N, C-alpha and C. Protein backbone atom coordinates (compact mmCIF):
# COMPACT_ATOMS: atom_id res chain seq x y z
N MET A 1 144.82 31.88 -24.28
CA MET A 1 144.41 33.26 -24.22
C MET A 1 142.90 33.31 -23.99
N ALA A 2 142.45 34.03 -22.99
CA ALA A 2 141.04 34.15 -22.67
C ALA A 2 140.37 35.11 -23.64
N HIS A 3 139.13 34.80 -23.93
CA HIS A 3 138.31 35.66 -24.77
C HIS A 3 137.13 36.09 -23.92
N GLY A 4 136.78 37.36 -23.96
CA GLY A 4 135.64 37.85 -23.20
C GLY A 4 134.55 38.35 -24.11
N PHE A 5 133.32 38.28 -23.64
CA PHE A 5 132.21 38.85 -24.39
C PHE A 5 131.12 39.20 -23.40
N LEU A 6 130.22 40.08 -23.81
CA LEU A 6 129.15 40.53 -22.93
C LEU A 6 127.98 39.57 -22.98
N VAL A 7 127.39 39.31 -21.83
CA VAL A 7 126.19 38.52 -21.71
C VAL A 7 125.14 39.42 -21.08
N GLU A 8 124.02 39.57 -21.74
CA GLU A 8 122.93 40.43 -21.28
C GLU A 8 123.41 41.85 -21.01
N GLY A 9 124.47 42.28 -21.68
CA GLY A 9 124.92 43.65 -21.59
C GLY A 9 125.56 44.05 -20.27
N THR A 10 125.66 43.14 -19.30
CA THR A 10 126.19 43.56 -18.01
C THR A 10 127.42 42.79 -17.54
N SER A 11 127.40 41.47 -17.68
CA SER A 11 128.52 40.70 -17.13
C SER A 11 129.41 40.20 -18.25
N ILE A 12 130.68 40.11 -17.98
CA ILE A 12 131.63 39.60 -18.96
C ILE A 12 131.89 38.13 -18.69
N VAL A 13 131.79 37.32 -19.73
CA VAL A 13 132.10 35.90 -19.64
C VAL A 13 133.39 35.68 -20.40
N ALA A 14 134.33 34.98 -19.79
CA ALA A 14 135.61 34.69 -20.42
C ALA A 14 135.75 33.19 -20.62
N VAL A 15 136.33 32.80 -21.75
CA VAL A 15 136.57 31.38 -22.04
C VAL A 15 138.07 31.17 -22.12
N ASP A 16 138.55 30.15 -21.42
CA ASP A 16 139.98 29.83 -21.44
C ASP A 16 140.16 28.38 -21.04
N ARG A 17 141.40 27.90 -21.18
CA ARG A 17 141.71 26.55 -20.70
C ARG A 17 141.56 26.50 -19.19
N ALA A 18 141.12 25.36 -18.70
CA ALA A 18 140.95 25.19 -17.26
C ALA A 18 142.29 25.04 -16.57
N SER A 19 142.31 25.37 -15.30
CA SER A 19 143.51 25.18 -14.50
C SER A 19 143.20 24.20 -13.37
N LEU A 20 144.26 23.76 -12.70
CA LEU A 20 144.11 22.80 -11.60
C LEU A 20 143.17 23.33 -10.52
N SER A 21 143.20 24.63 -10.27
CA SER A 21 142.35 25.21 -9.23
C SER A 21 140.87 25.18 -9.60
N ASP A 22 140.54 24.94 -10.87
CA ASP A 22 139.15 24.87 -11.33
C ASP A 22 138.54 23.49 -11.14
N ARG A 23 139.36 22.54 -10.79
CA ARG A 23 138.98 21.13 -10.83
C ARG A 23 137.65 20.80 -10.14
N LYS A 24 137.49 21.16 -8.90
CA LYS A 24 136.27 20.79 -8.14
C LYS A 24 135.02 21.41 -8.75
N GLU A 25 135.12 22.66 -9.17
CA GLU A 25 133.97 23.34 -9.78
C GLU A 25 133.60 22.68 -11.11
N ILE A 26 134.60 22.28 -11.88
CA ILE A 26 134.36 21.60 -13.15
C ILE A 26 133.70 20.25 -12.90
N GLU A 27 134.19 19.51 -11.92
CA GLU A 27 133.61 18.20 -11.62
C GLU A 27 132.14 18.32 -11.25
N LYS A 28 131.80 19.34 -10.46
CA LYS A 28 130.40 19.56 -10.08
C LYS A 28 129.55 19.89 -11.31
N LEU A 29 130.11 20.71 -12.20
CA LEU A 29 129.37 21.10 -13.41
C LEU A 29 129.15 19.90 -14.34
N ILE A 30 130.17 19.05 -14.49
CA ILE A 30 130.01 17.86 -15.33
C ILE A 30 129.02 16.88 -14.70
N ALA A 31 129.02 16.76 -13.39
CA ALA A 31 128.04 15.90 -12.71
C ALA A 31 126.62 16.44 -12.96
N GLU A 32 126.47 17.76 -12.92
CA GLU A 32 125.16 18.38 -13.21
C GLU A 32 124.74 18.07 -14.65
N TYR A 33 125.70 18.13 -15.56
CA TYR A 33 125.44 17.80 -16.97
C TYR A 33 124.97 16.36 -17.11
N HIS A 34 125.69 15.43 -16.52
CA HIS A 34 125.32 14.02 -16.63
C HIS A 34 123.92 13.78 -16.08
N ALA A 35 123.61 14.37 -14.92
CA ALA A 35 122.28 14.22 -14.32
C ALA A 35 121.21 14.81 -15.24
N SER A 36 121.51 15.93 -15.89
CA SER A 36 120.53 16.56 -16.80
C SER A 36 120.26 15.69 -18.02
N GLU A 37 121.20 14.83 -18.38
CA GLU A 37 121.04 13.92 -19.53
C GLU A 37 120.39 12.60 -19.10
N GLY A 38 120.07 12.48 -17.81
CA GLY A 38 119.41 11.27 -17.33
C GLY A 38 120.36 10.13 -17.00
N THR A 39 121.67 10.43 -16.93
CA THR A 39 122.63 9.40 -16.53
C THR A 39 123.11 9.68 -15.11
N THR A 40 123.48 8.64 -14.42
CA THR A 40 123.98 8.79 -13.06
C THR A 40 125.43 9.24 -13.09
N PRO A 41 125.73 10.41 -12.52
CA PRO A 41 127.13 10.84 -12.49
C PRO A 41 127.97 9.87 -11.65
N ILE A 42 129.10 9.46 -12.21
CA ILE A 42 130.01 8.57 -11.48
C ILE A 42 131.23 9.38 -11.11
N LYS A 43 131.30 9.77 -9.83
CA LYS A 43 132.31 10.70 -9.35
C LYS A 43 133.73 10.30 -9.74
N GLU A 44 134.05 9.01 -9.61
CA GLU A 44 135.41 8.56 -9.90
C GLU A 44 135.76 8.78 -11.37
N ARG A 45 134.82 8.52 -12.27
CA ARG A 45 135.07 8.71 -13.70
C ARG A 45 135.22 10.20 -14.04
N ILE A 46 134.37 11.00 -13.44
CA ILE A 46 134.44 12.45 -13.70
C ILE A 46 135.78 12.98 -13.21
N SER A 47 136.16 12.63 -11.99
CA SER A 47 137.45 13.09 -11.44
C SER A 47 138.61 12.65 -12.31
N TRP A 48 138.59 11.40 -12.75
CA TRP A 48 139.68 10.89 -13.58
C TRP A 48 139.76 11.66 -14.90
N ALA A 49 138.62 11.86 -15.57
CA ALA A 49 138.61 12.55 -16.87
C ALA A 49 139.11 13.99 -16.73
N VAL A 50 138.63 14.69 -15.70
CA VAL A 50 139.07 16.07 -15.48
C VAL A 50 140.55 16.10 -15.15
N ASP A 51 140.99 15.18 -14.31
CA ASP A 51 142.40 15.10 -13.93
C ASP A 51 143.30 14.89 -15.14
N GLN A 52 142.88 14.03 -16.07
CA GLN A 52 143.67 13.77 -17.28
C GLN A 52 143.94 15.06 -18.04
N GLN A 53 142.95 15.94 -18.10
CA GLN A 53 143.10 17.17 -18.87
C GLN A 53 143.82 18.27 -18.09
N VAL A 54 143.46 18.49 -16.82
CA VAL A 54 144.11 19.59 -16.09
C VAL A 54 145.58 19.30 -15.82
N ARG A 55 145.95 18.04 -15.78
CA ARG A 55 147.35 17.69 -15.56
C ARG A 55 148.08 17.41 -16.88
N SER A 56 147.38 17.61 -17.99
CA SER A 56 147.93 17.39 -19.34
C SER A 56 148.50 15.99 -19.51
N GLU A 57 147.84 15.02 -18.91
CA GLU A 57 148.28 13.63 -19.04
C GLU A 57 147.68 12.97 -20.28
N SER A 58 146.66 13.60 -20.84
CA SER A 58 146.01 13.08 -22.03
C SER A 58 145.83 14.25 -22.98
N PRO A 59 146.17 14.07 -24.25
CA PRO A 59 146.01 15.20 -25.17
C PRO A 59 144.53 15.54 -25.35
N GLY A 60 144.24 16.79 -25.37
CA GLY A 60 142.86 17.22 -25.54
C GLY A 60 142.68 18.63 -25.04
N LEU A 61 141.45 18.97 -24.76
CA LEU A 61 141.10 20.32 -24.30
C LEU A 61 140.14 20.24 -23.14
N LEU A 62 140.33 21.13 -22.20
CA LEU A 62 139.36 21.34 -21.13
C LEU A 62 139.20 22.85 -21.02
N LEU A 63 138.07 23.34 -21.54
CA LEU A 63 137.81 24.77 -21.57
C LEU A 63 136.69 25.10 -20.60
N VAL A 64 136.77 26.29 -20.01
CA VAL A 64 135.72 26.76 -19.11
C VAL A 64 135.28 28.15 -19.53
N ALA A 65 134.00 28.42 -19.28
CA ALA A 65 133.44 29.76 -19.47
C ALA A 65 133.13 30.29 -18.07
N ARG A 66 133.64 31.48 -17.77
CA ARG A 66 133.45 32.07 -16.44
C ARG A 66 132.59 33.33 -16.53
N ASP A 67 131.69 33.46 -15.61
CA ASP A 67 130.94 34.68 -15.40
C ASP A 67 131.48 35.26 -14.11
N LYS A 68 132.32 36.26 -14.22
CA LYS A 68 133.10 36.79 -13.10
C LYS A 68 134.00 35.66 -12.60
N LYS A 69 133.81 35.18 -11.40
CA LYS A 69 134.67 34.12 -10.86
C LYS A 69 134.07 32.73 -10.99
N ARG A 70 132.78 32.63 -11.30
CA ARG A 70 132.07 31.35 -11.33
C ARG A 70 132.13 30.69 -12.71
N ILE A 71 132.38 29.39 -12.75
CA ILE A 71 132.38 28.66 -14.01
C ILE A 71 130.93 28.34 -14.36
N VAL A 72 130.51 28.74 -15.57
CA VAL A 72 129.13 28.55 -16.00
C VAL A 72 129.02 27.62 -17.21
N GLY A 73 130.16 27.25 -17.77
CA GLY A 73 130.16 26.34 -18.92
C GLY A 73 131.46 25.58 -19.00
N VAL A 74 131.40 24.38 -19.59
CA VAL A 74 132.60 23.55 -19.69
C VAL A 74 132.56 22.76 -21.00
N ALA A 75 133.73 22.56 -21.58
CA ALA A 75 133.89 21.71 -22.76
C ALA A 75 135.11 20.82 -22.52
N LEU A 76 134.91 19.51 -22.53
CA LEU A 76 136.00 18.55 -22.36
C LEU A 76 136.07 17.72 -23.63
N ALA A 77 137.22 17.76 -24.30
CA ALA A 77 137.40 17.02 -25.55
C ALA A 77 138.73 16.28 -25.51
N VAL A 78 138.77 15.11 -26.15
CA VAL A 78 139.98 14.30 -26.17
C VAL A 78 140.48 14.12 -27.60
N TYR A 79 141.78 14.00 -27.73
CA TYR A 79 142.42 13.84 -29.03
C TYR A 79 142.56 12.36 -29.36
N THR A 80 142.23 12.02 -30.62
CA THR A 80 142.36 10.65 -31.09
C THR A 80 142.99 10.65 -32.47
N PRO A 81 144.12 9.98 -32.66
CA PRO A 81 144.66 9.85 -34.01
C PRO A 81 143.87 8.78 -34.76
N SER A 82 143.56 9.05 -36.03
CA SER A 82 142.81 8.10 -36.84
C SER A 82 143.48 7.99 -38.20
N ALA A 83 143.77 6.76 -38.63
CA ALA A 83 144.36 6.55 -39.95
C ALA A 83 143.39 6.99 -41.05
N GLU A 84 142.10 6.92 -40.78
CA GLU A 84 141.09 7.31 -41.77
C GLU A 84 140.79 8.81 -41.72
N LEU A 85 140.54 9.34 -40.53
CA LEU A 85 140.05 10.72 -40.40
C LEU A 85 141.14 11.74 -40.08
N GLY A 86 142.31 11.27 -39.71
CA GLY A 86 143.39 12.18 -39.34
C GLY A 86 143.36 12.50 -37.85
N ARG A 87 143.66 13.73 -37.53
CA ARG A 87 143.66 14.17 -36.13
C ARG A 87 142.23 14.55 -35.75
N VAL A 88 141.66 13.81 -34.79
CA VAL A 88 140.27 14.01 -34.40
C VAL A 88 140.20 14.46 -32.95
N MET A 89 139.42 15.50 -32.69
CA MET A 89 139.13 15.93 -31.33
C MET A 89 137.68 15.54 -31.08
N THR A 90 137.44 14.74 -30.05
CA THR A 90 136.09 14.28 -29.72
C THR A 90 135.60 14.97 -28.46
N VAL A 91 134.49 15.67 -28.58
CA VAL A 91 133.89 16.36 -27.43
C VAL A 91 133.12 15.32 -26.63
N ASN A 92 133.58 15.07 -25.41
CA ASN A 92 132.91 14.09 -24.56
C ASN A 92 131.93 14.73 -23.60
N ASP A 93 132.22 15.92 -23.13
CA ASP A 93 131.35 16.62 -22.19
C ASP A 93 131.28 18.09 -22.59
N PHE A 94 130.06 18.60 -22.75
CA PHE A 94 129.85 20.00 -23.11
C PHE A 94 128.59 20.43 -22.39
N PHE A 95 128.70 21.46 -21.55
CA PHE A 95 127.54 21.85 -20.73
C PHE A 95 127.62 23.32 -20.39
N VAL A 96 126.48 23.98 -20.49
CA VAL A 96 126.32 25.37 -20.03
C VAL A 96 125.18 25.35 -19.02
N LYS A 97 125.40 25.98 -17.87
CA LYS A 97 124.35 26.02 -16.84
C LYS A 97 123.07 26.57 -17.46
N PRO A 98 121.92 25.98 -17.13
CA PRO A 98 120.66 26.38 -17.76
C PRO A 98 120.38 27.88 -17.73
N GLU A 99 120.70 28.55 -16.64
CA GLU A 99 120.41 29.98 -16.55
C GLU A 99 121.32 30.84 -17.43
N HIS A 100 122.34 30.24 -18.01
CA HIS A 100 123.26 30.97 -18.90
C HIS A 100 123.10 30.57 -20.37
N ARG A 101 122.14 29.73 -20.65
CA ARG A 101 121.92 29.30 -22.04
C ARG A 101 121.22 30.39 -22.84
N ARG A 102 121.39 30.32 -24.16
CA ARG A 102 120.78 31.26 -25.10
C ARG A 102 121.29 32.69 -24.88
N LYS A 103 122.54 32.77 -24.37
CA LYS A 103 123.16 34.07 -24.13
C LYS A 103 124.54 34.13 -24.76
N GLY A 104 124.87 33.17 -25.60
CA GLY A 104 126.16 33.18 -26.30
C GLY A 104 127.28 32.42 -25.62
N VAL A 105 127.04 31.86 -24.44
CA VAL A 105 128.10 31.16 -23.71
C VAL A 105 128.53 29.91 -24.49
N GLY A 106 127.58 29.09 -24.90
CA GLY A 106 127.91 27.88 -25.65
C GLY A 106 128.59 28.20 -26.97
N GLN A 107 128.10 29.22 -27.66
CA GLN A 107 128.72 29.62 -28.93
C GLN A 107 130.17 30.05 -28.71
N GLU A 108 130.42 30.77 -27.64
CA GLU A 108 131.79 31.22 -27.36
C GLU A 108 132.68 30.04 -26.99
N LEU A 109 132.15 29.07 -26.24
CA LEU A 109 132.92 27.86 -25.93
C LEU A 109 133.29 27.13 -27.22
N VAL A 110 132.33 26.99 -28.13
CA VAL A 110 132.60 26.30 -29.40
C VAL A 110 133.61 27.09 -30.21
N ARG A 111 133.44 28.41 -30.30
CA ARG A 111 134.36 29.24 -31.07
C ARG A 111 135.79 29.07 -30.56
N HIS A 112 135.94 29.11 -29.27
CA HIS A 112 137.28 28.97 -28.67
C HIS A 112 137.83 27.56 -28.92
N MET A 113 136.97 26.54 -28.80
CA MET A 113 137.39 25.16 -29.04
C MET A 113 137.87 25.00 -30.48
N VAL A 114 137.13 25.55 -31.43
CA VAL A 114 137.52 25.47 -32.84
C VAL A 114 138.86 26.17 -33.07
N GLU A 115 139.05 27.34 -32.47
CA GLU A 115 140.33 28.06 -32.60
C GLU A 115 141.49 27.22 -32.06
N GLU A 116 141.29 26.64 -30.87
CA GLU A 116 142.33 25.80 -30.27
C GLU A 116 142.63 24.60 -31.16
N CYS A 117 141.59 23.98 -31.70
CA CYS A 117 141.77 22.81 -32.56
C CYS A 117 142.52 23.18 -33.84
N LYS A 118 142.24 24.33 -34.40
CA LYS A 118 142.97 24.77 -35.59
C LYS A 118 144.45 24.95 -35.25
N ARG A 119 144.74 25.53 -34.08
CA ARG A 119 146.14 25.71 -33.66
C ARG A 119 146.85 24.37 -33.48
N MET A 120 146.08 23.36 -33.07
CA MET A 120 146.62 22.02 -32.84
C MET A 120 146.65 21.20 -34.13
N LYS A 121 146.24 21.78 -35.24
CA LYS A 121 146.20 21.11 -36.54
C LYS A 121 145.24 19.91 -36.56
N ILE A 122 144.13 20.04 -35.83
CA ILE A 122 143.10 19.01 -35.80
C ILE A 122 142.36 19.03 -37.14
N ASP A 123 142.05 17.83 -37.66
CA ASP A 123 141.33 17.72 -38.94
C ASP A 123 139.82 17.74 -38.78
N GLU A 124 139.33 17.25 -37.66
CA GLU A 124 137.89 17.08 -37.48
C GLU A 124 137.54 17.09 -36.00
N ILE A 125 136.38 17.67 -35.68
CA ILE A 125 135.84 17.64 -34.32
C ILE A 125 134.58 16.78 -34.37
N GLY A 126 134.48 15.82 -33.47
CA GLY A 126 133.31 14.96 -33.42
C GLY A 126 132.65 15.01 -32.06
N LEU A 127 131.40 14.62 -32.00
CA LEU A 127 130.67 14.56 -30.73
C LEU A 127 129.43 13.73 -30.92
N GLU A 128 128.81 13.35 -29.80
CA GLU A 128 127.56 12.60 -29.81
C GLU A 128 126.49 13.45 -29.14
N VAL A 129 125.25 13.30 -29.62
CA VAL A 129 124.10 13.94 -28.99
C VAL A 129 123.05 12.86 -28.80
N LEU A 130 122.46 12.78 -27.62
CA LEU A 130 121.40 11.80 -27.39
C LEU A 130 120.22 12.11 -28.30
N TYR A 131 119.57 11.07 -28.83
CA TYR A 131 118.42 11.26 -29.72
C TYR A 131 117.36 12.16 -29.10
N ALA A 132 117.12 12.00 -27.82
CA ALA A 132 116.07 12.76 -27.14
C ALA A 132 116.44 14.23 -26.92
N ASN A 133 117.71 14.57 -27.04
CA ASN A 133 118.14 15.94 -26.74
C ASN A 133 118.09 16.80 -28.00
N LYS A 134 116.88 17.18 -28.38
CA LYS A 134 116.67 17.97 -29.60
C LYS A 134 117.31 19.35 -29.48
N ALA A 135 117.29 19.93 -28.29
CA ALA A 135 117.88 21.27 -28.11
C ALA A 135 119.38 21.23 -28.39
N ALA A 136 120.06 20.17 -27.93
CA ALA A 136 121.50 20.06 -28.19
C ALA A 136 121.76 19.88 -29.68
N ALA A 137 120.96 19.05 -30.34
CA ALA A 137 121.14 18.84 -31.78
C ALA A 137 120.96 20.15 -32.54
N THR A 138 119.95 20.93 -32.15
CA THR A 138 119.71 22.23 -32.78
C THR A 138 120.88 23.17 -32.54
N PHE A 139 121.40 23.17 -31.30
CA PHE A 139 122.55 24.04 -30.98
C PHE A 139 123.74 23.68 -31.86
N TRP A 140 124.10 22.40 -31.93
CA TRP A 140 125.28 22.00 -32.68
C TRP A 140 125.14 22.31 -34.17
N ARG A 141 123.93 22.13 -34.70
CA ARG A 141 123.71 22.53 -36.10
C ARG A 141 123.89 24.03 -36.27
N SER A 142 123.44 24.81 -35.28
CA SER A 142 123.52 26.27 -35.38
C SER A 142 124.96 26.78 -35.37
N VAL A 143 125.90 25.98 -34.86
CA VAL A 143 127.31 26.41 -34.83
C VAL A 143 128.14 25.67 -35.88
N GLY A 144 127.45 25.11 -36.88
CA GLY A 144 128.14 24.57 -38.05
C GLY A 144 128.45 23.08 -38.05
N PHE A 145 127.99 22.34 -37.07
CA PHE A 145 128.23 20.89 -37.05
C PHE A 145 127.11 20.19 -37.82
N ARG A 146 127.44 19.08 -38.46
CA ARG A 146 126.48 18.30 -39.24
C ARG A 146 126.49 16.85 -38.78
N ARG A 147 125.35 16.17 -38.96
CA ARG A 147 125.28 14.75 -38.62
C ARG A 147 126.25 13.97 -39.47
N ALA A 148 126.90 13.01 -38.84
CA ALA A 148 127.82 12.12 -39.55
C ALA A 148 127.03 10.95 -40.12
N ASN A 149 127.57 10.33 -41.14
CA ASN A 149 126.89 9.18 -41.74
C ASN A 149 127.44 7.88 -41.17
N ARG A 150 127.41 7.76 -39.85
CA ARG A 150 127.94 6.59 -39.17
C ARG A 150 126.98 6.14 -38.07
N PHE A 151 127.03 4.85 -37.76
CA PHE A 151 126.32 4.33 -36.60
C PHE A 151 127.28 4.35 -35.42
N LEU A 152 126.75 4.51 -34.25
CA LEU A 152 127.56 4.46 -33.03
C LEU A 152 127.34 3.09 -32.39
N PHE A 153 128.41 2.36 -32.17
CA PHE A 153 128.35 1.06 -31.51
C PHE A 153 129.15 1.14 -30.22
N ARG A 154 128.72 0.41 -29.20
CA ARG A 154 129.44 0.37 -27.94
C ARG A 154 129.33 -1.02 -27.31
N LYS A 155 130.34 -1.33 -26.52
CA LYS A 155 130.30 -2.53 -25.69
C LYS A 155 130.83 -2.11 -24.33
N LYS A 156 129.98 -2.16 -23.33
CA LYS A 156 130.40 -1.79 -21.96
C LYS A 156 131.27 -2.88 -21.39
N LEU A 157 132.36 -2.47 -20.77
CA LEU A 157 133.27 -3.43 -20.14
C LEU A 157 133.17 -3.37 -18.61
N ARG A 158 132.61 -2.28 -18.10
CA ARG A 158 132.40 -2.17 -16.65
C ARG A 158 131.15 -1.39 -16.41
């Protein structure tokens, strides 16, 4: 179910699950997000991740925020069962176009994501923020997320 709200008193932004027809626009937005974080967007990985969600091949969420017909925000999260934490939804990609920030778009994406997760009986939502991205850390704190008491470890395989 889409939710709408006013941005700057004139345009309505709606948040809903993405559809197959949104795929190319979402891929471009996620590539813009990766570039803004200083990482090189890898088209094949982005296409695969988006495809997993729009085709419901992987449990999770792919939400979009639209300003009229244009997608201005995206949230991609994946479901992970954990014997310790229970049902976990991990936000892997979350981005609002710079010109739409500080207008409630990100807050509405988070609100909708939390509602969907509650419907799915998710126990916890997790995400990572780069140390250098202070604005993102401030945003996530402002919508009720707190730092976890864990270290993040990785081993690249490709």
